[in-house]
Amino acid sequence: MAVSGEPHPEDLTGVRLVRSAGPVPTRRDVESLLHAEGLTPYAWGHDAAFSYGRHVHGYHKVLFCVSGSIVFHTDAGDVALGPGDRMELPSGVGHGATVGATGVECVEAPRP
């Protein structure tokens, strides 16, 4: 299933970003796509201006922004996500995040 039209991949020092280039997928579309990749997705969201402190994960994170916006802060620079954008964050990459002005809804899944 093509989730967001023709992707435009970017590689930001280990962080893989695929910008949405078509219709924004629904939460259900994203969950189906991640299930098809053999992953177990879950949804989360936060209100405007919520901030995550710097941390790392011991797993590879696959994340879609479904609505709103969020900026991930990495050593290589900021990674801004909007509706339909997909980010893959390798295990061990330090990051924090700040939710945009209208809040955010994301679907993510750990990749073992």
Protein backbone atom coordinates (compact mmCIF):
# COMPACT_ATOMS: atom_id res chain seq x y z
CA MET A 1 0.00 0.00 0.00
CA ALA A 2 1.37 3.43 -0.87
CA VAL A 3 0.78 5.55 2.19
CA SER A 4 1.89 8.98 1.09
CA GLY A 5 2.45 9.03 -2.64
CA GLU A 6 6.00 9.22 -3.95
CA PRO A 7 8.31 9.55 -0.93
CA HIS A 8 11.22 11.94 -0.70
CA PRO A 9 13.74 10.19 1.59
CA GLU A 10 16.32 12.17 3.50
CA ASP A 11 19.16 10.78 5.61
CA LEU A 12 20.20 12.93 8.58
CA THR A 13 23.14 11.11 10.19
CA GLY A 14 21.33 7.85 10.79
CA VAL A 15 17.85 9.34 11.06
CA ARG A 16 15.82 8.38 7.99
CA LEU A 17 13.04 10.76 7.02
CA VAL A 18 10.47 10.21 4.29
CA ARG A 19 8.38 13.30 3.59
CA SER A 20 4.75 12.90 2.64
CA ALA A 21 4.21 13.72 -1.02
CA GLY A 22 0.54 12.87 -1.41
CA PRO A 23 -2.66 12.47 0.54
CA VAL A 24 -2.07 12.23 4.28
CA PRO A 25 -2.68 8.67 5.49
CA THR A 26 -5.19 8.04 8.26
CA ARG A 27 -4.19 6.53 11.57
CA ARG A 28 -5.74 3.24 10.42
CA ASP A 29 -3.70 3.35 7.16
CA VAL A 30 -0.47 3.87 9.11
CA GLU A 31 -1.28 1.12 11.60
CA SER A 32 -2.04 -1.28 8.71
CA LEU A 33 1.23 -0.40 6.98
CA LEU A 34 3.28 -0.98 10.13
CA HIS A 35 1.47 -4.26 10.82
CA ALA A 36 2.31 -5.34 7.24
CA GLU A 37 5.98 -4.61 8.06
CA GLY A 38 5.70 -7.07 10.97
CA LEU A 39 5.67 -4.31 13.61
CA THR A 40 3.33 -3.63 16.53
CA PRO A 41 2.25 0.02 16.30
CA TYR A 42 0.72 2.21 18.98
CA ALA A 43 -0.69 5.72 18.82
CA TRP A 44 0.05 8.67 21.06
CA GLY A 45 -0.42 12.40 21.04
CA HIS A 46 0.18 15.57 23.02
CA ASP A 47 -1.09 19.10 23.25
CA ALA A 48 0.72 22.10 21.81
CA ALA A 49 4.21 22.94 23.11
CA PHE A 50 4.64 19.68 25.07
CA SER A 51 8.35 18.91 25.31
CA TYR A 52 10.28 15.66 25.73
CA GLY A 53 13.66 15.84 27.40
CA ARG A 54 16.72 14.33 25.74
CA HIS A 55 16.81 10.53 25.88
CA VAL A 56 17.77 7.42 23.89
CA HIS A 57 15.99 4.18 23.05
CA GLY A 58 17.44 0.70 22.96
CA TYR A 59 15.41 -0.05 19.82
CA HIS A 60 14.96 1.31 16.30
CA LYS A 61 11.91 3.61 16.32
CA VAL A 62 9.59 3.89 13.28
CA LEU A 63 7.26 6.88 13.64
CA PHE A 64 4.58 8.52 11.50
CA CYS A 65 3.13 11.95 12.23
CA VAL A 66 -0.61 11.56 11.56
CA SER A 67 -1.73 15.09 12.40
CA GLY A 68 -0.26 18.29 13.80
CA SER A 69 3.52 18.65 14.00
CA ILE A 70 6.53 17.77 16.09
CA VAL A 71 10.24 18.62 15.96
CA PHE A 72 12.80 16.05 17.06
CA HIS A 73 16.07 17.54 18.33
CA THR A 74 19.15 15.41 17.50
CA ASP A 75 22.88 16.04 17.55
CA ALA A 76 22.72 16.31 13.73
CA GLY A 77 20.04 19.01 13.92
CA ASP A 78 16.30 19.40 14.17
CA VAL A 79 13.94 17.09 12.28
CA ALA A 80 10.50 18.65 11.75
CA LEU A 81 7.61 16.29 11.00
CA GLY A 82 4.18 17.15 9.64
CA PRO A 83 1.17 15.05 8.66
CA GLY A 84 2.16 11.95 6.68
CA ASP A 85 5.91 12.21 7.35
CA ARG A 86 7.76 9.05 8.42
CA MET A 87 10.91 9.03 10.55
CA GLU A 88 13.14 6.11 11.47
CA LEU A 89 15.39 6.71 14.43
CA PRO A 90 18.13 4.12 15.00
CA SER A 91 18.72 2.63 18.42
CA GLY A 92 20.99 4.76 20.60
CA VAL A 93 20.45 8.10 18.82
CA GLY A 94 19.97 10.80 21.46
CA HIS A 95 16.98 13.07 20.91
CA GLY A 96 14.34 15.25 22.50
CA ALA A 97 11.18 16.63 20.92
CA THR A 98 8.84 19.61 20.97
CA VAL A 99 5.20 19.41 19.86
CA GLY A 100 3.97 22.08 17.44
CA ALA A 101 1.36 24.80 17.91
CA THR A 102 -1.68 22.61 17.17
CA GLY A 103 -0.59 19.48 19.04
CA VAL A 104 0.39 16.17 17.47
CA GLU A 105 -0.89 12.65 16.91
CA CYS A 106 1.68 9.99 16.00
CA VAL A 107 1.78 6.26 15.41
CA GLU A 108 5.04 4.50 16.18
CA ALA A 109 6.46 1.02 16.49
CA PRO A 110 9.74 -0.41 17.71
CA ARG A 111 11.72 -2.41 15.16
CA PRO A 112 13.72 -5.13 16.90
